[in-house]
């Protein structure tokens, strides 16, 4: 969202618990803060839906993810842990492109999309810790809407996404 709203990404950090941090400069502070959790829900849903269409779509998507990971490694990764997580993910998507598992690629990509949606559904709940840090606190600070409301919005979006994806399947 930082790039889409005219900002610049300074660094991307990934953590072993599934969390991540994108440090950016410029762009729409509101949209960037909101999109951290909402974007993960949308992204996971899109991944799932692409995989349901055709096996070839799932393959093309995996190729695009490989390119995105390579670009991220070159442009925004600055720490060792994030580097290893990105390399692991890169390896995973390269394996998915292997012809030997071609018949399973759709459901494997669907599984990845569903894991992202489930993680995005639960992740906002970690903001209920009383520390007032993160995207919820940032949104509360400049919208005067309490952080718990943002957590409810993000979690509700996750529940709706799961419902709609389940209905589609």
C-alpha atoms as a PDB file:
ATOM      1  CA  UNK A   1       0.000   0.000   0.000  1.00  0.00           C
ATOM      2  CA  UNK A   2       2.959   2.279   0.632  1.00  0.00           C
ATOM      3  CA  UNK A   3       3.988   2.024  -3.014  1.00  0.00           C
ATOM      4  CA  UNK A   4       0.410   2.411  -4.292  1.00  0.00           C
ATOM      5  CA  UNK A   5      -0.083   5.641  -2.323  1.00  0.00           C
ATOM      6  CA  UNK A   6       3.180   7.246  -3.393  1.00  0.00           C
ATOM      7  CA  UNK A   7       5.387   6.153  -0.516  1.00  0.00           C
ATOM      8  CA  UNK A   8       8.631   4.209  -0.394  1.00  0.00           C
ATOM      9  CA  UNK A   9       9.402   0.939   1.330  1.00  0.00           C
ATOM     10  CA  UNK A  10      12.496   1.224   3.487  1.00  0.00           C
ATOM     11  CA  UNK A  11      12.619  -2.285   4.936  1.00  0.00           C
ATOM     12  CA  UNK A  12      10.596  -5.457   5.288  1.00  0.00           C
ATOM     13  CA  UNK A  13      10.994  -7.657   8.357  1.00  0.00           C
ATOM     14  CA  UNK A  14       9.437 -11.079   8.837  1.00  0.00           C
ATOM     15  CA  UNK A  15       9.250 -12.976  12.108  1.00  0.00           C
ATOM     16  CA  UNK A  16       8.986 -16.672  12.946  1.00  0.00           C
ATOM     17  CA  UNK A  17       5.530 -16.248  14.504  1.00  0.00           C
ATOM     18  CA  UNK A  18       4.068 -15.184  11.124  1.00  0.00           C
ATOM     19  CA  UNK A  19       4.137 -11.468  11.897  1.00  0.00           C
ATOM     20  CA  UNK A  20       5.822  -8.907   9.726  1.00  0.00           C
ATOM     21  CA  UNK A  21       6.746  -5.259   9.645  1.00  0.00           C
ATOM     22  CA  UNK A  22       7.019  -3.044   6.609  1.00  0.00           C
ATOM     23  CA  UNK A  23       8.784   0.221   7.363  1.00  0.00           C
ATOM     24  CA  UNK A  24       7.835   2.888   4.854  1.00  0.00           C
ATOM     25  CA  UNK A  25       8.138   6.589   4.248  1.00  0.00           C
ATOM     26  CA  UNK A  26       5.481   8.779   2.673  1.00  0.00           C
ATOM     27  CA  UNK A  27       2.192   7.586   1.260  1.00  0.00           C
ATOM     28  CA  UNK A  28      -1.175   7.490   2.991  1.00  0.00           C
ATOM     29  CA  UNK A  29      -0.579   6.734   6.650  1.00  0.00           C
ATOM     30  CA  UNK A  30      -4.211   5.657   7.111  1.00  0.00           C
ATOM     31  CA  UNK A  31      -4.269   3.267   4.140  1.00  0.00           C
ATOM     32  CA  UNK A  32      -0.851   1.832   4.988  1.00  0.00           C
ATOM     33  CA  UNK A  33      -1.828   1.173   8.618  1.00  0.00           C
ATOM     34  CA  UNK A  34      -5.221  -0.277   7.695  1.00  0.00           C
ATOM     35  CA  UNK A  35      -3.846  -2.467   4.922  1.00  0.00           C
ATOM     36  CA  UNK A  36      -1.408  -4.408   7.058  1.00  0.00           C
ATOM     37  CA  UNK A  37      -4.134  -6.699   8.361  1.00  0.00           C
ATOM     38  CA  UNK A  38      -6.847  -6.062   5.758  1.00  0.00           C
ATOM     39  CA  UNK A  39      -4.354  -6.597   2.937  1.00  0.00           C
ATOM     40  CA  UNK A  40      -3.365 -10.002   4.300  1.00  0.00           C
ATOM     41  CA  UNK A  41      -7.020 -11.073   4.271  1.00  0.00           C
ATOM     42  CA  UNK A  42      -7.513  -9.842   0.706  1.00  0.00           C
ATOM     43  CA  UNK A  43      -4.172 -11.300  -0.436  1.00  0.00           C
ATOM     44  CA  UNK A  44      -4.895 -14.733   1.076  1.00  0.00           C
ATOM     45  CA  UNK A  45      -8.386 -14.743  -0.448  1.00  0.00           C
ATOM     46  CA  UNK A  46      -7.036 -13.839  -3.888  1.00  0.00           C
ATOM     47  CA  UNK A  47      -4.423 -16.608  -3.653  1.00  0.00           C
ATOM     48  CA  UNK A  48      -7.127 -19.114  -2.730  1.00  0.00           C
ATOM     49  CA  UNK A  49      -9.469 -17.979  -5.501  1.00  0.00           C
ATOM     50  CA  UNK A  50      -6.766 -17.974  -8.182  1.00  0.00           C
ATOM     51  CA  UNK A  51      -5.914 -21.555  -7.281  1.00  0.00           C
ATOM     52  CA  UNK A  52      -9.553 -22.642  -7.654  1.00  0.00           C
ATOM     53  CA  UNK A  53      -9.751 -21.400 -11.250  1.00  0.00           C
ATOM     54  CA  UNK A  54      -7.227 -23.480 -13.180  1.00  0.00           C
ATOM     55  CA  UNK A  55      -4.050 -25.383 -12.561  1.00  0.00           C
ATOM     56  CA  UNK A  56      -2.225 -23.137 -15.037  1.00  0.00           C
ATOM     57  CA  UNK A  57      -3.343 -20.025 -13.108  1.00  0.00           C
ATOM     58  CA  UNK A  58      -1.913 -21.491  -9.911  1.00  0.00           C
ATOM     59  CA  UNK A  59       1.370 -22.160 -11.728  1.00  0.00           C
ATOM     60  CA  UNK A  60       1.581 -18.625 -13.136  1.00  0.00           C
ATOM     61  CA  UNK A  61       0.790 -17.242  -9.695  1.00  0.00           C
ATOM     62  CA  UNK A  62       3.622 -19.282  -8.152  1.00  0.00           C
ATOM     63  CA  UNK A  63       5.977 -17.864 -10.778  1.00  0.00           C
ATOM     64  CA  UNK A  64       4.874 -14.321  -9.917  1.00  0.00           C
ATOM     65  CA  UNK A  65       5.460 -14.991  -6.218  1.00  0.00           C
ATOM     66  CA  UNK A  66       8.975 -16.221  -7.035  1.00  0.00           C
ATOM     67  CA  UNK A  67       9.632 -12.916  -8.844  1.00  0.00           C
ATOM     68  CA  UNK A  68       8.143 -10.892  -5.986  1.00  0.00           C
ATOM     69  CA  UNK A  69      10.277 -12.705  -3.416  1.00  0.00           C
ATOM     70  CA  UNK A  70      13.424 -12.163  -5.498  1.00  0.00           C
ATOM     71  CA  UNK A  71      12.667  -8.436  -5.814  1.00  0.00           C
ATOM     72  CA  UNK A  72      11.944  -8.183  -2.083  1.00  0.00           C
ATOM     73  CA  UNK A  73      15.215  -9.925  -1.257  1.00  0.00           C
ATOM     74  CA  UNK A  74      17.142  -7.483  -3.433  1.00  0.00           C
ATOM     75  CA  UNK A  75      15.346  -4.266  -2.507  1.00  0.00           C
ATOM     76  CA  UNK A  76      13.981  -4.421   1.026  1.00  0.00           C
ATOM     77  CA  UNK A  77      15.372  -7.295   3.101  1.00  0.00           C
ATOM     78  CA  UNK A  78      17.973  -6.030   5.579  1.00  0.00           C
ATOM     79  CA  UNK A  79      18.151  -8.649   8.327  1.00  0.00           C
ATOM     80  CA  UNK A  80      19.244 -12.280   8.492  1.00  0.00           C
ATOM     81  CA  UNK A  81      15.975 -13.763   9.784  1.00  0.00           C
ATOM     82  CA  UNK A  82      13.898 -12.121   7.053  1.00  0.00           C
ATOM     83  CA  UNK A  83      16.463 -13.257   4.483  1.00  0.00           C
ATOM     84  CA  UNK A  84      16.146 -16.891   5.593  1.00  0.00           C
ATOM     85  CA  UNK A  85      12.339 -16.751   5.726  1.00  0.00           C
ATOM     86  CA  UNK A  86      12.231 -15.294   2.192  1.00  0.00           C
ATOM     87  CA  UNK A  87      14.684 -17.908   0.917  1.00  0.00           C
ATOM     88  CA  UNK A  88      12.555 -20.649   2.525  1.00  0.00           C
ATOM     89  CA  UNK A  89       9.407 -19.260   0.875  1.00  0.00           C
ATOM     90  CA  UNK A  90      11.258 -18.931  -2.417  1.00  0.00           C
ATOM     91  CA  UNK A  91      12.242 -22.593  -2.178  1.00  0.00           C
ATOM     92  CA  UNK A  92       8.660 -23.578  -1.344  1.00  0.00           C
ATOM     93  CA  UNK A  93       7.265 -21.805  -4.406  1.00  0.00           C
ATOM     94  CA  UNK A  94      10.021 -23.201  -6.635  1.00  0.00           C
ATOM     95  CA  UNK A  95       9.074 -26.682  -5.426  1.00  0.00           C
ATOM     96  CA  UNK A  96       5.448 -25.923  -6.293  1.00  0.00           C
ATOM     97  CA  UNK A  97       6.585 -25.140  -9.836  1.00  0.00           C
ATOM     98  CA  UNK A  98       8.199 -28.588 -10.106  1.00  0.00           C
ATOM     99  CA  UNK A  99       6.443 -30.701 -12.745  1.00  0.00           C
ATOM    100  CA  UNK A 100       6.360 -33.752 -10.455  1.00  0.00           C
ATOM    101  CA  UNK A 101       3.751 -32.140  -8.203  1.00  0.00           C
ATOM    102  CA  UNK A 102       1.841 -30.405 -11.000  1.00  0.00           C
ATOM    103  CA  UNK A 103      -1.328 -32.384 -10.252  1.00  0.00           C
ATOM    104  CA  UNK A 104      -1.348 -31.132  -6.643  1.00  0.00           C
ATOM    105  CA  UNK A 105      -0.471 -27.480  -7.230  1.00  0.00           C
ATOM    106  CA  UNK A 106      -4.044 -26.186  -7.029  1.00  0.00           C
ATOM    107  CA  UNK A 107      -4.837 -27.545  -3.599  1.00  0.00           C
ATOM    108  CA  UNK A 108      -1.363 -26.689  -2.280  1.00  0.00           C
ATOM    109  CA  UNK A 109      -1.783 -23.058  -3.369  1.00  0.00           C
ATOM    110  CA  UNK A 110      -5.310 -23.072  -1.926  1.00  0.00           C
ATOM    111  CA  UNK A 111      -3.835 -24.291   1.354  1.00  0.00           C
ATOM    112  CA  UNK A 112      -1.303 -21.442   1.334  1.00  0.00           C
ATOM    113  CA  UNK A 113      -4.091 -18.920   0.693  1.00  0.00           C
ATOM    114  CA  UNK A 114      -6.224 -20.374   3.484  1.00  0.00           C
ATOM    115  CA  UNK A 115      -3.320 -20.329   5.961  1.00  0.00           C
ATOM    116  CA  UNK A 116      -2.762 -16.646   5.132  1.00  0.00           C
ATOM    117  CA  UNK A 117      -6.455 -15.838   5.697  1.00  0.00           C
ATOM    118  CA  UNK A 118      -6.538 -17.761   8.991  1.00  0.00           C
ATOM    119  CA  UNK A 119      -3.361 -16.038  10.176  1.00  0.00           C
ATOM    120  CA  UNK A 120      -4.813 -12.663   9.151  1.00  0.00           C
ATOM    121  CA  UNK A 121      -7.984 -13.467  11.096  1.00  0.00           C
ATOM    122  CA  UNK A 122      -6.075 -14.222  14.300  1.00  0.00           C
ATOM    123  CA  UNK A 123      -3.211 -11.713  14.029  1.00  0.00           C
ATOM    124  CA  UNK A 124      -5.213  -8.610  15.019  1.00  0.00           C
ATOM    125  CA  UNK A 125      -6.076 -10.304  18.307  1.00  0.00           C
ATOM    126  CA  UNK A 126      -2.422  -9.915  19.359  1.00  0.00           C
ATOM    127  CA  UNK A 127      -3.037  -6.157  19.432  1.00  0.00           C
ATOM    128  CA  UNK A 128      -5.246  -6.610  22.494  1.00  0.00           C
ATOM    129  CA  UNK A 129      -2.303  -6.432  24.856  1.00  0.00           C
ATOM    130  CA  UNK A 130      -2.637  -2.980  26.398  1.00  0.00           C
ATOM    131  CA  UNK A 131       0.681  -1.797  24.956  1.00  0.00           C
ATOM    132  CA  UNK A 132      -0.874   0.519  22.307  1.00  0.00           C
ATOM    133  CA  UNK A 133       1.684  -0.205  19.616  1.00  0.00           C
ATOM    134  CA  UNK A 134       1.189  -1.303  16.008  1.00  0.00           C
ATOM    135  CA  UNK A 135      -1.302  -0.511  13.283  1.00  0.00           C
ATOM    136  CA  UNK A 136      -4.330  -0.476  15.589  1.00  0.00           C
ATOM    137  CA  UNK A 137      -2.744   2.079  17.905  1.00  0.00           C
ATOM    138  CA  UNK A 138      -1.590   4.141  14.937  1.00  0.00           C
ATOM    139  CA  UNK A 139      -5.109   4.209  13.475  1.00  0.00           C
ATOM    140  CA  UNK A 140      -6.595   5.027  16.878  1.00  0.00           C
ATOM    141  CA  UNK A 141      -4.171   7.914  17.261  1.00  0.00           C
ATOM    142  CA  UNK A 142      -5.143   9.753  14.112  1.00  0.00           C
ATOM    143  CA  UNK A 143      -8.808   8.684  13.707  1.00  0.00           C
ATOM    144  CA  UNK A 144      -9.833   8.777  17.401  1.00  0.00           C
ATOM    145  CA  UNK A 145     -11.503   5.383  16.851  1.00  0.00           C
ATOM    146  CA  UNK A 146     -10.385   3.034  19.662  1.00  0.00           C
ATOM    147  CA  UNK A 147      -7.882   0.314  18.783  1.00  0.00           C
ATOM    148  CA  UNK A 148     -10.345  -2.431  19.785  1.00  0.00           C
ATOM    149  CA  UNK A 149     -12.718  -1.250  17.019  1.00  0.00           C
ATOM    150  CA  UNK A 150      -9.960  -1.692  14.428  1.00  0.00           C
ATOM    151  CA  UNK A 151      -9.260  -5.175  15.815  1.00  0.00           C
ATOM    152  CA  UNK A 152     -12.978  -6.024  15.517  1.00  0.00           C
ATOM    153  CA  UNK A 153     -13.088  -4.683  11.938  1.00  0.00           C
ATOM    154  CA  UNK A 154     -10.054  -6.726  10.859  1.00  0.00           C
ATOM    155  CA  UNK A 155     -11.241  -9.883  12.606  1.00  0.00           C
ATOM    156  CA  UNK A 156     -14.729  -9.471  11.133  1.00  0.00           C
ATOM    157  CA  UNK A 157     -13.205  -9.094   7.679  1.00  0.00           C
ATOM    158  CA  UNK A 158     -11.371 -12.382   8.248  1.00  0.00           C
ATOM    159  CA  UNK A 159     -14.538 -14.179   9.336  1.00  0.00           C
ATOM    160  CA  UNK A 160     -16.442 -12.850   6.301  1.00  0.00           C
ATOM    161  CA  UNK A 161     -13.593 -13.890   3.976  1.00  0.00           C
ATOM    162  CA  UNK A 162     -13.570 -17.409   5.451  1.00  0.00           C
ATOM    163  CA  UNK A 163     -17.337 -17.648   5.079  1.00  0.00           C
ATOM    164  CA  UNK A 164     -17.268 -16.485   1.458  1.00  0.00           C
ATOM    165  CA  UNK A 165     -14.352 -18.763   0.544  1.00  0.00           C
ATOM    166  CA  UNK A 166     -16.102 -21.702   2.219  1.00  0.00           C
ATOM    167  CA  UNK A 167     -19.296 -20.915   0.358  1.00  0.00           C
ATOM    168  CA  UNK A 168     -17.354 -20.738  -2.926  1.00  0.00           C
ATOM    169  CA  UNK A 169     -15.838 -24.155  -2.290  1.00  0.00           C
END
